[in-house]
Amino acid sequence: MLLLPGFVLFAFLGYWLARSAAPEIPGEKKAALVQETAPKPRMIEEAPVKFRRAERPQISGDPGARAAGALEGQRAIVFKDATALEDFLRRAGDRIRVLGRLDALNALRIGFDDYDDIAEWLEDEEESFIFPVTAPAPPEGTVQSGAVALGNHLREWLGITGDNASWGTGVRIAVLDTGIAAHRAFSGTIQSIDLLQGGSPVIANGHGTAVASVIAGSDPLTPGVAPSASLTSIRIAGDDGMSDSYLLAQGIVEAVRNGAQLINISMGSQGDSAIVRQAVEYARQQGSLIIAAAGNNGIDQVSYPAANEGVIAVGAVDATGSHLDFSNSGQEVDVSAPGYGINAAWTGDQAASMSGTSFSAPIVTGAIAAVMTASGGGLSASQAWEKLSSLLNDSGPAGHDPELGAGMPDIGRVLQSGTRGIVDAAVASNRILPPSPSAPYGQVEVLVQNRGTETLINTAVEVSAGGSRVASNITSLAPNAVKTITIPIAKPPTGSSGVLSVDSRVSLTGGAADAKPSNDRREETYVAGDAN
């Protein structure tokens, strides 16, 4: 790799542990973004949220919070109404410390030295731990061998072929993060709300800036999906990337109050907080839609708030649509988008190549904003999401699965969904299934999807695996429908490395011209033990 002006450069090996989102490289001089510089940047991989307890004094009288990994000596209390909140304050008097108040949720943040000091004043209120919430730092994790970075090809990946400069016009999007720094990637004015008490006004952590540029960047090097969207930066985390569930809930409330139709949260927590659930419901009632990152721990547990009901949870894939190993899985995952090697803005008018579900979420946020405006406008956030999610590109196993959710967004398909005569057969995915009594060497599963607007008749499918070739035919496939074809692997992979090459392709009959030949074929190499 070359040292490139205009890029933040990081080397990575394995999963690093770092607390800063943009550590300075000794001896490296940071330079302004140079748009004419087109070489591929090196990667910044976003680390999994480790949920480690911060260095803080332990409160001897709060073992419950300590055991849960929550902040000790604090609680969020949610009351049924404003009268109950005021009654509690009168009862408790000066025996508690009020650290924050959210009247929109009838909630308080209170502090104490010993839990018993507040327990006697609680009645039927909903008590909530306050959990750490983190904007992941770079990087603590690798991706699987062969993963393909997205670079600055976001618009092409989403099927955008024309000018998208006006997309997002009139849509207000709140980014709850480390703040958005001024950057040439943003063409419009950014509204800023800082919820940190005593925090530095200088934004040194570039995480929020990078996330925002994926939504609304207008620079060719760091393209966004909806460049004309109006951004509201709600700063809930400082330079260390640390926040908590009360600040997160407060940020959601502020986003709604300031007219945000879409709220992007590229932060994560291990804790399911009652006050965050209340804030999510408050946003839903006001017509705001929340999109959040699934998390980067590579585990079968989606981070909060993405795991909360009413939140669109976004997992990560590479540029080929393959699930990335670090992306958390679970039934809560709704959709997936690229999360590897994405060009994004960085503080100091720089750019960087980012990886993590933090950058998958804003792709979906931007796509919803685009659909709200690109198809004639007039759609609400929920209507646009319903339209986008009805025409996802499937991958992996057919239908919804814990890794990819229901699929991946394709704005091009949405905008062309009312156009007749589009013929597009796609090899959506190849998978290796484990051995079974009927298939001792395993099986190859190929997923074919009709991504056009016309029913496909007699679509030929040819699969080559391990030196054998099998041909089959799909008699009829309706628009947006998928068909799974499974063939046994005839013999074990050859060679000591146990490598299996799979080549799947589809072809149309009757002289029809495929609208997108690039997705007619999928070639992949698997190593023994890669079975899904």
Protein backbone atom coordinates (compact mmCIF):
# COMPACT_ATOMS: atom_id res chain seq x y z
CA MET A 1 0.00 0.00 0.00
CA LEU A 2 1.13 3.53 -0.71
CA LEU A 3 1.07 6.34 1.78
CA LEU A 4 -1.75 8.50 0.41
CA PRO A 5 -2.35 12.20 1.10
CA GLY A 6 -5.90 12.81 2.25
CA PHE A 7 -6.30 9.44 3.92
CA VAL A 8 -5.97 8.39 7.54
CA LEU A 9 -3.69 5.37 7.34
CA PHE A 10 -3.79 2.45 9.72
CA ALA A 11 -2.18 -0.94 9.42
CA PHE A 12 -4.12 -3.81 10.88
CA LEU A 13 -3.24 -7.33 11.92
CA GLY A 14 -5.82 -9.44 13.67
CA TYR A 15 -8.19 -7.64 16.03
CA TRP A 16 -6.42 -4.64 17.55
CA LEU A 17 -7.47 -3.02 20.77
CA ALA A 18 -7.58 0.78 20.61
CA ARG A 19 -9.48 3.41 22.53
CA SER A 20 -9.09 6.26 20.08
CA ALA A 21 -10.99 6.34 16.80
CA ALA A 22 -8.11 7.99 14.96
CA PRO A 23 -4.71 7.46 16.59
CA GLU A 24 -1.91 9.58 15.17
CA ILE A 25 0.73 7.62 13.33
CA PRO A 26 4.15 8.73 14.58
CA GLY A 27 5.91 10.81 11.99
CA GLU A 28 2.92 10.94 9.66
CA LYS A 29 1.88 14.35 8.44
CA LYS A 30 -1.86 14.64 7.93
CA ALA A 31 -2.77 16.27 4.63
CA ALA A 32 -5.94 17.74 3.17
CA LEU A 33 -8.20 15.52 1.10
CA VAL A 34 -6.99 15.40 -2.49
CA GLN A 35 -9.85 14.33 -4.74
CA GLU A 36 -7.57 13.60 -7.66
CA THR A 37 -5.89 10.86 -5.61
CA ALA A 38 -7.73 7.72 -6.59
CA PRO A 39 -5.56 4.81 -5.32
CA LYS A 40 -7.18 2.42 -2.91
CA PRO A 41 -6.81 3.53 0.74
CA ARG A 42 -5.81 1.28 3.56
CA MET A 43 -8.39 0.12 6.00
CA ILE A 44 -9.66 1.30 9.34
CA GLU A 45 -11.57 -1.58 10.85
CA GLU A 46 -14.07 -0.75 13.51
CA ALA A 47 -13.59 -2.80 16.65
CA PRO A 48 -16.25 -4.91 18.28
CA VAL A 49 -17.89 -3.25 21.23
CA LYS A 50 -16.18 -4.99 24.12
CA PHE A 51 -18.52 -3.64 26.81
CA ARG A 52 -15.69 -3.39 29.30
CA ARG A 53 -16.35 -1.49 32.46
CA ALA A 54 -14.81 1.92 32.52
CA GLU A 55 -12.15 2.84 35.05
CA ARG A 56 -14.39 4.24 37.77
CA PRO A 57 -14.79 3.90 41.53
CA GLN A 58 -16.98 1.03 42.62
CA ILE A 59 -20.01 1.89 44.72
CA SER A 60 -20.11 -0.63 47.52
CA GLY A 61 -23.85 -0.29 47.89
CA ASP A 62 -24.75 -1.12 44.27
CA PRO A 63 -23.88 -4.76 43.58
CA GLY A 64 -26.76 -5.14 41.12
CA ALA A 65 -25.31 -2.63 38.67
CA ARG A 66 -21.85 -4.09 39.09
CA ALA A 67 -23.08 -7.58 38.23
CA ALA A 68 -24.97 -6.28 35.18
CA GLY A 69 -22.00 -4.30 33.85
CA ALA A 70 -23.93 -1.04 34.32
CA LEU A 71 -22.80 2.29 35.75
CA GLU A 72 -22.76 2.04 39.52
CA GLY A 73 -24.48 4.52 41.80
CA GLN A 74 -26.93 5.63 39.12
CA ARG A 75 -30.36 4.70 37.82
CA ALA A 76 -32.86 5.94 35.31
CA ILE A 77 -36.37 6.03 36.74
CA VAL A 78 -39.34 6.17 34.36
CA PHE A 79 -42.67 7.34 35.86
CA LYS A 80 -46.17 6.74 34.55
CA ASP A 81 -46.82 10.47 34.24
CA ALA A 82 -45.52 13.90 35.26
CA THR A 83 -47.55 13.88 38.51
CA ALA A 84 -45.87 10.66 39.66
CA LEU A 85 -42.47 12.14 38.88
CA GLU A 86 -43.15 15.24 41.00
CA ASP A 87 -44.56 13.11 43.84
CA PHE A 88 -41.34 11.08 43.89
CA LEU A 89 -39.21 14.22 44.08
CA ARG A 90 -41.29 15.47 47.02
CA ARG A 91 -41.05 12.14 48.83
CA ALA A 92 -37.32 11.73 48.36
CA GLY A 93 -36.38 15.35 48.98
CA ASP A 94 -32.65 15.91 49.25
CA ARG A 95 -31.94 12.23 49.86
CA ILE A 96 -31.30 11.69 46.16
CA ARG A 97 -29.18 13.49 43.56
CA VAL A 98 -30.99 14.40 40.35
CA LEU A 99 -28.39 14.08 37.58
CA GLY A 100 -30.76 14.54 34.66
CA ARG A 101 -34.41 14.96 33.75
CA LEU A 102 -36.31 13.96 30.59
CA ASP A 103 -39.84 15.35 30.82
CA ALA A 104 -40.80 13.91 27.42
CA LEU A 105 -40.36 10.44 28.93
CA ASN A 106 -41.30 11.37 32.52
CA ALA A 107 -37.87 10.13 33.52
CA LEU A 108 -35.08 11.06 35.92
CA ARG A 109 -31.43 10.16 36.13
CA ILE A 110 -30.55 9.88 39.79
CA GLY A 111 -27.35 9.25 41.70
CA PHE A 112 -26.77 7.65 45.09
CA ASP A 113 -24.07 6.21 47.32
CA ASP A 114 -26.04 3.19 48.47
CA TYR A 115 -28.96 1.62 46.64
CA ASP A 116 -30.88 1.24 49.89
CA ASP A 117 -30.96 5.05 50.08
CA ILE A 118 -33.39 5.17 47.12
CA ALA A 119 -35.14 1.81 47.32
CA GLU A 120 -37.51 2.97 50.07
CA TRP A 121 -38.72 5.87 47.90
CA LEU A 122 -39.55 3.75 44.86
CA GLU A 123 -43.10 2.48 44.35
CA ASP A 124 -44.40 1.33 40.95
CA GLU A 125 -41.89 3.27 38.84
CA GLU A 126 -39.91 1.52 36.10
CA GLU A 127 -36.30 1.38 37.25
CA SER A 128 -33.53 1.01 34.70
CA PHE A 129 -29.79 0.41 34.81
CA ILE A 130 -27.67 2.88 32.90
CA PHE A 131 -25.34 0.93 30.62
CA PRO A 132 -22.19 2.00 28.81
CA VAL A 133 -22.82 2.76 25.14
CA THR A 134 -19.81 2.79 22.84
CA ALA A 135 -18.83 4.14 19.46
CA PRO A 136 -16.43 1.34 18.51
CA ALA A 137 -12.77 2.23 18.11
CA PRO A 138 -10.50 0.79 15.41
CA PRO A 139 -9.93 -2.18 15.06
CA GLU A 140 -10.31 -5.33 17.01
CA GLY A 141 -11.03 -7.92 14.41
CA THR A 142 -10.28 -9.25 11.01
CA VAL A 143 -12.58 -10.15 8.19
CA GLN A 144 -12.55 -13.49 6.45
CA SER A 145 -10.11 -14.21 3.70
CA GLY A 146 -11.34 -13.06 0.31
CA ALA A 147 -13.65 -10.31 1.58
CA VAL A 148 -13.98 -7.50 -0.96
CA ALA A 149 -13.80 -3.84 0.09
CA LEU A 150 -16.38 -1.38 -1.22
CA GLY A 151 -14.16 1.69 -1.65
CA ASN A 152 -15.99 4.61 -3.25
CA HIS A 153 -18.45 2.40 -5.16
CA LEU A 154 -21.36 2.84 -2.75
CA ARG A 155 -23.70 4.37 -5.32
CA GLU A 156 -23.05 1.65 -7.88
CA TRP A 157 -23.55 -1.04 -5.24
CA LEU A 158 -26.98 0.42 -4.45
CA GLY A 159 -27.95 0.42 -8.13
CA ILE A 160 -27.76 4.20 -8.50
CA THR A 161 -27.07 5.02 -12.13
CA GLY A 162 -28.13 8.67 -12.48
CA ASP A 163 -27.55 11.93 -10.62
CA ASN A 164 -28.49 11.55 -6.95
CA ALA A 165 -27.39 15.04 -5.84
CA SER A 166 -30.91 16.09 -4.87
CA TRP A 167 -31.80 12.93 -2.98
CA GLY A 168 -32.72 13.54 0.64
CA THR A 169 -34.01 17.07 0.03
CA GLY A 170 -36.34 18.02 2.87
CA VAL A 171 -35.47 14.96 4.97
CA ARG A 172 -34.03 15.66 8.43
CA ILE A 173 -31.63 12.95 9.67
CA ALA A 174 -30.17 12.91 13.18
CA VAL A 175 -26.79 11.23 13.76
CA LEU A 176 -26.30 10.25 17.41
CA ASP A 177 -22.56 9.81 17.73
CA THR A 178 -19.28 11.59 18.54
CA GLY A 179 -20.32 14.69 16.61
CA ILE A 180 -19.96 15.74 12.99
CA ALA A 181 -16.94 17.88 12.14
CA ALA A 182 -17.00 20.48 9.38
CA HIS A 183 -15.81 18.81 6.18
CA ARG A 184 -15.81 19.52 2.47
CA ALA A 185 -17.77 16.31 1.96
CA PHE A 186 -20.87 18.06 3.31
CA SER A 187 -22.55 20.58 1.03
CA GLY A 188 -25.22 21.75 3.47
CA THR A 189 -25.31 23.33 6.92
CA ILE A 190 -25.19 20.86 9.81
CA GLN A 191 -27.28 21.52 12.89
CA SER A 192 -25.32 20.62 16.03
CA ILE A 193 -26.57 19.66 19.49
CA ASP A 194 -24.00 18.76 22.16
CA LEU A 195 -25.35 16.78 25.12
CA LEU A 196 -21.97 16.35 26.79
CA GLN A 197 -21.45 18.35 29.96
CA GLY A 198 -18.08 20.08 29.98
CA GLY A 199 -16.93 18.34 26.81
CA SER A 200 -14.42 19.88 24.44
CA PRO A 201 -16.03 21.84 21.59
CA VAL A 202 -13.42 20.39 19.23
CA ILE A 203 -14.48 17.13 17.59
CA ALA A 204 -11.39 14.92 17.53
CA ASN A 205 -13.07 11.53 17.17
CA GLY A 206 -13.96 11.06 13.50
CA HIS A 207 -16.48 8.25 13.98
CA GLY A 208 -19.54 10.48 13.75
CA THR A 209 -18.12 12.43 10.80
CA ALA A 210 -17.49 9.19 8.90
CA VAL A 211 -20.97 7.87 9.64
CA ALA A 212 -22.60 11.13 8.49
CA SER A 213 -20.64 11.19 5.24
CA VAL A 214 -21.96 7.77 4.27
CA ILE A 215 -25.46 9.22 4.56
CA ALA A 216 -24.96 12.64 2.97
CA GLY A 217 -21.44 12.97 1.59
CA SER A 218 -21.26 14.83 -1.72
CA ASP A 219 -17.57 14.32 -2.55
CA PRO A 220 -16.77 11.76 -5.30
CA LEU A 221 -14.12 10.20 -3.08
CA THR A 222 -16.51 9.82 -0.13
CA PRO A 223 -19.95 9.53 -1.75
CA GLY A 224 -23.12 9.47 0.30
CA VAL A 225 -26.52 8.04 -0.55
CA ALA A 226 -28.67 11.15 0.02
CA PRO A 227 -26.36 14.19 -0.33
CA SER A 228 -29.12 16.80 0.09
CA ALA A 229 -30.47 15.45 3.38
CA SER A 230 -30.43 17.87 6.31
CA LEU A 231 -28.16 16.58 9.08
CA THR A 232 -28.53 17.10 12.81
CA SER A 233 -25.43 16.13 14.77
CA ILE A 234 -26.36 15.06 18.29
CA ARG A 235 -23.17 14.53 20.23
CA ILE A 236 -23.61 11.91 22.91
CA ALA A 237 -20.01 10.63 23.00
CA GLY A 238 -16.68 12.43 23.29
CA ASP A 239 -13.19 11.71 22.06
CA ASP A 240 -13.10 8.37 23.87
CA GLY A 241 -16.26 7.22 22.06
CA MET A 242 -17.99 6.49 25.37
CA SER A 243 -21.61 7.31 26.19
CA ASP A 244 -24.42 5.70 28.20
CA SER A 245 -28.01 4.64 27.78
CA TYR A 246 -29.45 7.75 29.45
CA LEU A 247 -27.57 10.03 27.05
CA LEU A 248 -28.70 7.82 24.20
CA ALA A 249 -32.32 8.16 25.25
CA GLN A 250 -31.85 11.90 25.66
CA GLY A 251 -30.36 12.06 22.19
CA ILE A 252 -33.34 10.24 20.68
CA VAL A 253 -35.71 12.70 22.37
CA GLU A 254 -33.68 15.68 21.10
CA ALA A 255 -33.65 14.22 17.60
CA VAL A 256 -37.44 13.95 17.57
CA ARG A 257 -37.86 17.44 19.03
CA ASN A 258 -35.71 18.84 16.25
CA GLY A 259 -37.79 17.24 13.54
CA ALA A 260 -35.68 14.20 12.65
CA GLN A 261 -37.58 11.76 10.45
CA LEU A 262 -34.66 9.31 10.53
CA ILE A 263 -32.33 8.67 13.47
CA ASN A 264 -29.02 6.86 12.87
CA ILE A 265 -27.34 5.18 15.84
CA SER A 266 -23.96 3.61 15.05
CA MET A 267 -23.23 2.86 18.69
CA GLY A 268 -23.83 -0.21 20.79
CA SER A 269 -24.38 -1.57 24.28
CA GLN A 270 -24.74 -4.94 25.94
CA GLY A 271 -27.58 -3.71 28.13
CA ASP A 272 -31.29 -3.55 27.38
CA SER A 273 -32.24 -0.28 29.04
CA ALA A 274 -35.83 0.59 29.91
CA ILE A 275 -35.29 4.28 29.29
CA VAL A 276 -33.96 3.57 25.79
CA ARG A 277 -37.01 1.41 25.09
CA GLN A 278 -39.19 4.31 26.21
CA ALA A 279 -37.27 6.69 23.93
CA VAL A 280 -37.64 4.33 20.96
CA GLU A 281 -41.39 4.14 21.53
CA TYR A 282 -41.55 7.94 21.88
CA ALA A 283 -39.81 8.29 18.51
CA ARG A 284 -42.13 5.76 16.90
CA GLN A 285 -45.21 7.58 18.15
CA GLN A 286 -43.86 10.81 16.68
CA GLY A 287 -43.24 9.19 13.29
CA SER A 288 -39.43 8.97 13.52
CA LEU A 289 -37.61 5.84 12.35
CA ILE A 290 -34.49 4.57 14.13
CA ILE A 291 -31.74 2.65 12.30
CA ALA A 292 -28.92 1.10 14.35
CA ALA A 293 -25.80 -1.03 13.93
CA ALA A 294 -26.00 -4.71 14.89
CA GLY A 295 -22.49 -4.72 16.41
CA ASN A 296 -19.05 -6.11 15.61
CA ASN A 297 -18.44 -8.85 18.16
CA GLY A 298 -18.97 -11.74 15.76
CA ILE A 299 -21.48 -13.30 18.17
CA ASP A 300 -25.08 -14.46 18.03
CA GLN A 301 -26.31 -11.44 19.95
CA VAL A 302 -27.35 -8.15 18.40
CA SER A 303 -26.23 -5.06 20.29
CA TYR A 304 -28.70 -2.62 21.81
CA PRO A 305 -30.47 -0.45 20.71
CA ALA A 306 -30.46 -2.40 17.40
CA ALA A 307 -31.97 -5.38 19.26
CA ASN A 308 -34.84 -3.29 20.64
CA GLU A 309 -38.28 -3.69 19.10
CA GLY A 310 -39.06 -0.86 16.72
CA VAL A 311 -35.44 -0.34 15.63
CA ILE A 312 -34.11 -1.36 12.20
CA ALA A 313 -31.05 -3.51 12.95
CA VAL A 314 -28.35 -3.52 10.26
CA GLY A 315 -25.68 -6.18 9.79
CA ALA A 316 -22.59 -6.01 7.57
CA VAL A 317 -21.64 -7.65 4.27
CA ASP A 318 -18.70 -7.13 1.95
CA ALA A 319 -18.99 -5.76 -1.60
CA THR A 320 -20.05 -9.18 -2.91
CA GLY A 321 -22.93 -9.45 -0.43
CA SER A 322 -21.24 -12.04 1.80
CA HIS A 323 -21.82 -11.82 5.55
CA LEU A 324 -18.75 -10.47 7.36
CA ASP A 325 -17.48 -12.61 10.22
CA PHE A 326 -17.36 -9.74 12.72
CA SER A 327 -21.01 -8.74 12.17
CA ASN A 328 -23.29 -9.82 15.02
CA SER A 329 -26.12 -12.19 14.16
CA GLY A 330 -29.59 -12.72 15.54
CA GLN A 331 -33.26 -12.83 14.62
CA GLU A 332 -33.38 -9.08 15.26
CA VAL A 333 -31.20 -8.34 12.20
CA ASP A 334 -33.53 -6.79 9.62
CA VAL A 335 -31.22 -5.98 6.72
CA SER A 336 -27.53 -5.90 5.78
CA ALA A 337 -25.33 -3.45 3.90
CA PRO A 338 -21.61 -3.08 3.13
CA GLY A 339 -19.39 -2.75 6.17
CA TYR A 340 -15.88 -3.33 4.82
CA GLY A 341 -13.46 -0.83 3.31
CA ILE A 342 -15.97 2.00 2.80
CA ASN A 343 -14.59 5.41 1.84
CA ALA A 344 -15.76 7.99 4.36
CA ALA A 345 -14.93 11.50 5.55
CA TRP A 346 -12.65 12.01 8.55
CA THR A 347 -11.81 14.94 10.77
CA GLY A 348 -9.35 17.50 9.42
CA ASP A 349 -10.88 17.41 5.92
CA GLN A 350 -9.43 13.96 5.42
CA ALA A 351 -10.85 10.63 4.25
CA ALA A 352 -10.45 7.08 5.46
CA SER A 353 -11.49 3.56 4.56
CA MET A 354 -13.82 2.34 7.30
CA SER A 355 -15.06 -1.08 8.36
CA GLY A 356 -17.77 -2.06 10.80
CA THR A 357 -21.54 -2.24 11.16
CA SER A 358 -21.37 1.44 12.14
CA PHE A 359 -21.01 2.15 8.43
CA SER A 360 -23.59 -0.39 7.29
CA ALA A 361 -26.33 1.36 9.29
CA PRO A 362 -25.97 4.79 7.62
CA ILE A 363 -26.13 3.15 4.18
CA VAL A 364 -29.63 1.96 5.07
CA THR A 365 -30.49 5.32 6.64
CA GLY A 366 -29.41 7.10 3.47
CA ALA A 367 -31.27 4.59 1.30
CA ILE A 368 -34.52 5.24 3.16
CA ALA A 369 -34.02 9.01 2.74
CA ALA A 370 -33.36 8.46 -0.96
CA VAL A 371 -36.56 6.48 -1.44
CA MET A 372 -38.49 9.16 0.46
CA THR A 373 -37.47 11.71 -2.18
CA ALA A 374 -36.19 10.01 -5.34
CA SER A 375 -39.44 8.32 -6.36
CA GLY A 376 -41.49 11.51 -6.54
CA GLY A 377 -41.37 12.41 -2.85
CA GLY A 378 -44.24 12.46 -0.41
CA LEU A 379 -43.33 9.23 1.37
CA SER A 380 -42.96 9.09 5.13
CA ALA A 381 -39.97 7.35 6.67
CA SER A 382 -41.99 4.23 7.46
CA GLN A 383 -43.55 4.15 3.97
CA ALA A 384 -40.12 4.45 2.35
CA TRP A 385 -38.73 1.68 4.56
CA GLU A 386 -41.68 -0.56 3.67
CA LYS A 387 -41.03 0.04 -0.03
CA LEU A 388 -37.26 -0.47 0.26
CA SER A 389 -37.57 -3.62 2.37
CA SER A 390 -40.09 -5.19 -0.03
CA LEU A 391 -37.45 -5.29 -2.79
CA LEU A 392 -34.28 -6.43 -1.06
CA ASN A 393 -31.57 -8.46 -2.79
CA ASP A 394 -31.52 -11.82 -1.06
CA SER A 395 -28.32 -13.71 -0.25
CA GLY A 396 -27.29 -16.63 1.93
CA PRO A 397 -30.23 -18.93 2.70
CA ALA A 398 -33.54 -17.96 1.13
CA GLY A 399 -35.64 -15.45 3.05
CA HIS A 400 -34.86 -13.96 6.44
CA ASP A 401 -31.85 -15.37 8.27
CA PRO A 402 -29.97 -14.33 11.44
CA GLU A 403 -26.87 -13.16 9.57
CA LEU A 404 -28.25 -11.05 6.72
CA GLY A 405 -31.79 -10.38 7.85
CA ALA A 406 -34.15 -10.20 4.86
CA GLY A 407 -31.44 -9.10 2.42
CA MET A 408 -29.68 -6.00 1.11
CA PRO A 409 -31.07 -2.69 -0.22
CA ASP A 410 -31.13 -1.96 -3.93
CA ILE A 411 -32.36 1.56 -4.67
CA GLY A 412 -32.20 0.93 -8.41
CA ARG A 413 -34.72 -1.89 -8.12
CA VAL A 414 -37.05 0.27 -6.03
CA LEU A 415 -37.01 3.14 -8.51
CA GLN A 416 -37.59 0.78 -11.45
CA SER A 417 -40.22 -1.37 -9.74
CA GLY A 418 -43.02 0.28 -11.73
CA THR A 419 -41.27 -0.19 -15.08
CA ARG A 420 -42.40 -3.19 -17.09
CA GLY A 421 -40.09 -5.25 -19.27
CA ILE A 422 -37.03 -5.45 -16.98
CA VAL A 423 -35.49 -8.94 -17.07
CA ASP A 424 -32.83 -9.66 -14.46
CA ALA A 425 -31.88 -13.14 -13.26
CA ALA A 426 -29.23 -13.11 -10.52
CA VAL A 427 -27.09 -15.68 -8.76
CA ALA A 428 -27.75 -14.34 -5.27
CA SER A 429 -25.39 -16.61 -3.33
CA ASN A 430 -23.42 -19.85 -3.16
CA ARG A 431 -23.24 -21.81 0.08
CA ILE A 432 -21.49 -25.00 1.13
CA LEU A 433 -23.69 -27.26 3.23
CA PRO A 434 -22.09 -29.82 5.59
CA PRO A 435 -21.87 -33.54 4.79
CA SER A 436 -24.88 -35.75 5.36
CA PRO A 437 -25.61 -39.46 4.85
CA SER A 438 -26.97 -38.72 1.37
CA ALA A 439 -24.14 -36.32 0.50
CA PRO A 440 -20.95 -37.50 2.24
CA TYR A 441 -18.84 -34.65 0.79
CA GLY A 442 -21.41 -31.94 1.45
CA GLN A 443 -23.57 -29.98 -0.95
CA VAL A 444 -23.49 -26.73 -2.89
CA GLU A 445 -26.58 -24.57 -2.42
CA VAL A 446 -27.19 -21.89 -5.05
CA LEU A 447 -29.77 -19.15 -4.57
CA VAL A 448 -31.25 -17.59 -7.72
CA GLN A 449 -33.38 -14.44 -7.52
CA ASN A 450 -35.54 -12.64 -10.07
CA ARG A 451 -34.57 -8.99 -9.61
CA GLY A 452 -36.50 -7.76 -12.62
CA THR A 453 -40.13 -6.86 -13.18
CA GLU A 454 -41.09 -9.72 -15.51
CA THR A 455 -41.60 -13.40 -14.73
CA LEU A 456 -38.60 -15.49 -15.82
CA ILE A 457 -39.45 -18.53 -17.96
CA ASN A 458 -37.06 -21.49 -18.33
CA THR A 459 -33.99 -19.96 -16.70
CA ALA A 460 -30.94 -22.20 -17.14
CA VAL A 461 -28.68 -22.70 -14.11
CA GLU A 462 -25.23 -24.28 -14.35
CA VAL A 463 -23.14 -25.10 -11.29
CA SER A 464 -19.52 -26.28 -11.40
CA ALA A 465 -18.03 -27.59 -8.17
CA GLY A 466 -14.96 -29.73 -7.59
CA GLY A 467 -14.52 -30.54 -11.26
CA SER A 468 -18.11 -31.67 -11.84
CA ARG A 469 -20.77 -29.68 -13.66
CA VAL A 470 -24.55 -29.89 -13.16
CA ALA A 471 -27.17 -28.12 -15.26
CA SER A 472 -30.74 -27.47 -14.19
CA ASN A 473 -33.71 -25.36 -15.21
CA ILE A 474 -36.08 -23.05 -13.35
CA THR A 475 -39.40 -23.31 -15.18
CA SER A 476 -40.93 -20.10 -13.81
CA LEU A 477 -39.74 -17.45 -11.35
CA ALA A 478 -41.93 -14.47 -10.46
CA PRO A 479 -40.49 -10.97 -9.89
CA ASN A 480 -38.59 -10.76 -6.57
CA ALA A 481 -38.99 -14.51 -5.99
CA VAL A 482 -36.06 -16.78 -5.14
CA LYS A 483 -35.28 -20.40 -5.97
CA THR A 484 -32.81 -22.65 -4.17
CA ILE A 485 -30.89 -25.27 -6.14
CA THR A 486 -28.90 -27.85 -4.21
CA ILE A 487 -26.43 -30.32 -5.73
CA PRO A 488 -24.18 -32.86 -3.95
CA ILE A 489 -20.42 -32.45 -4.15
CA ALA A 490 -19.35 -35.49 -6.14
CA LYS A 491 -15.89 -35.94 -4.66
CA PRO A 492 -13.75 -34.45 -1.88
CA PRO A 493 -11.75 -31.29 -2.61
CA THR A 494 -8.47 -32.09 -4.30
CA GLY A 495 -5.04 -31.21 -2.94
CA SER A 496 -3.70 -31.00 0.58
CA SER A 497 -5.32 -27.58 1.15
CA GLY A 498 -8.85 -28.90 0.71
CA VAL A 499 -9.87 -26.08 -1.63
CA LEU A 500 -13.21 -26.23 -3.45
CA SER A 501 -14.00 -23.87 -6.32
CA VAL A 502 -17.65 -23.13 -7.07
CA ASP A 503 -18.81 -21.43 -10.26
CA SER A 504 -22.55 -20.77 -10.63
CA ARG A 505 -24.24 -18.98 -13.51
CA VAL A 506 -27.68 -18.31 -14.93
CA SER A 507 -28.72 -17.67 -18.52
CA LEU A 508 -31.98 -16.62 -20.11
CA THR A 509 -33.79 -18.41 -22.90
CA GLY A 510 -35.88 -17.13 -25.76
CA GLY A 511 -33.49 -14.36 -26.74
CA ALA A 512 -34.23 -12.15 -23.71
CA ALA A 513 -31.51 -9.65 -22.76
CA ASP A 514 -30.51 -9.57 -19.09
CA ALA A 515 -30.62 -6.03 -17.70
CA LYS A 516 -27.69 -6.67 -15.36
CA PRO A 517 -25.27 -9.31 -16.67
CA SER A 518 -22.83 -8.59 -13.82
CA ASN A 519 -24.95 -10.64 -11.40
CA ASP A 520 -25.44 -13.62 -13.73
CA ARG A 521 -22.38 -15.42 -12.41
CA ARG A 522 -20.78 -16.00 -9.02
CA GLU A 523 -17.37 -17.63 -8.50
CA GLU A 524 -16.06 -18.44 -5.03
CA THR A 525 -13.38 -20.58 -3.44
CA TYR A 526 -13.96 -22.42 -0.19
CA VAL A 527 -11.50 -24.07 2.16
CA ALA A 528 -12.40 -27.27 4.00
CA GLY A 529 -14.38 -26.34 7.10
CA ASP A 530 -16.18 -23.40 5.45
CA ALA A 531 -19.57 -25.14 5.46
CA ASN A 532 -22.37 -22.88 6.64
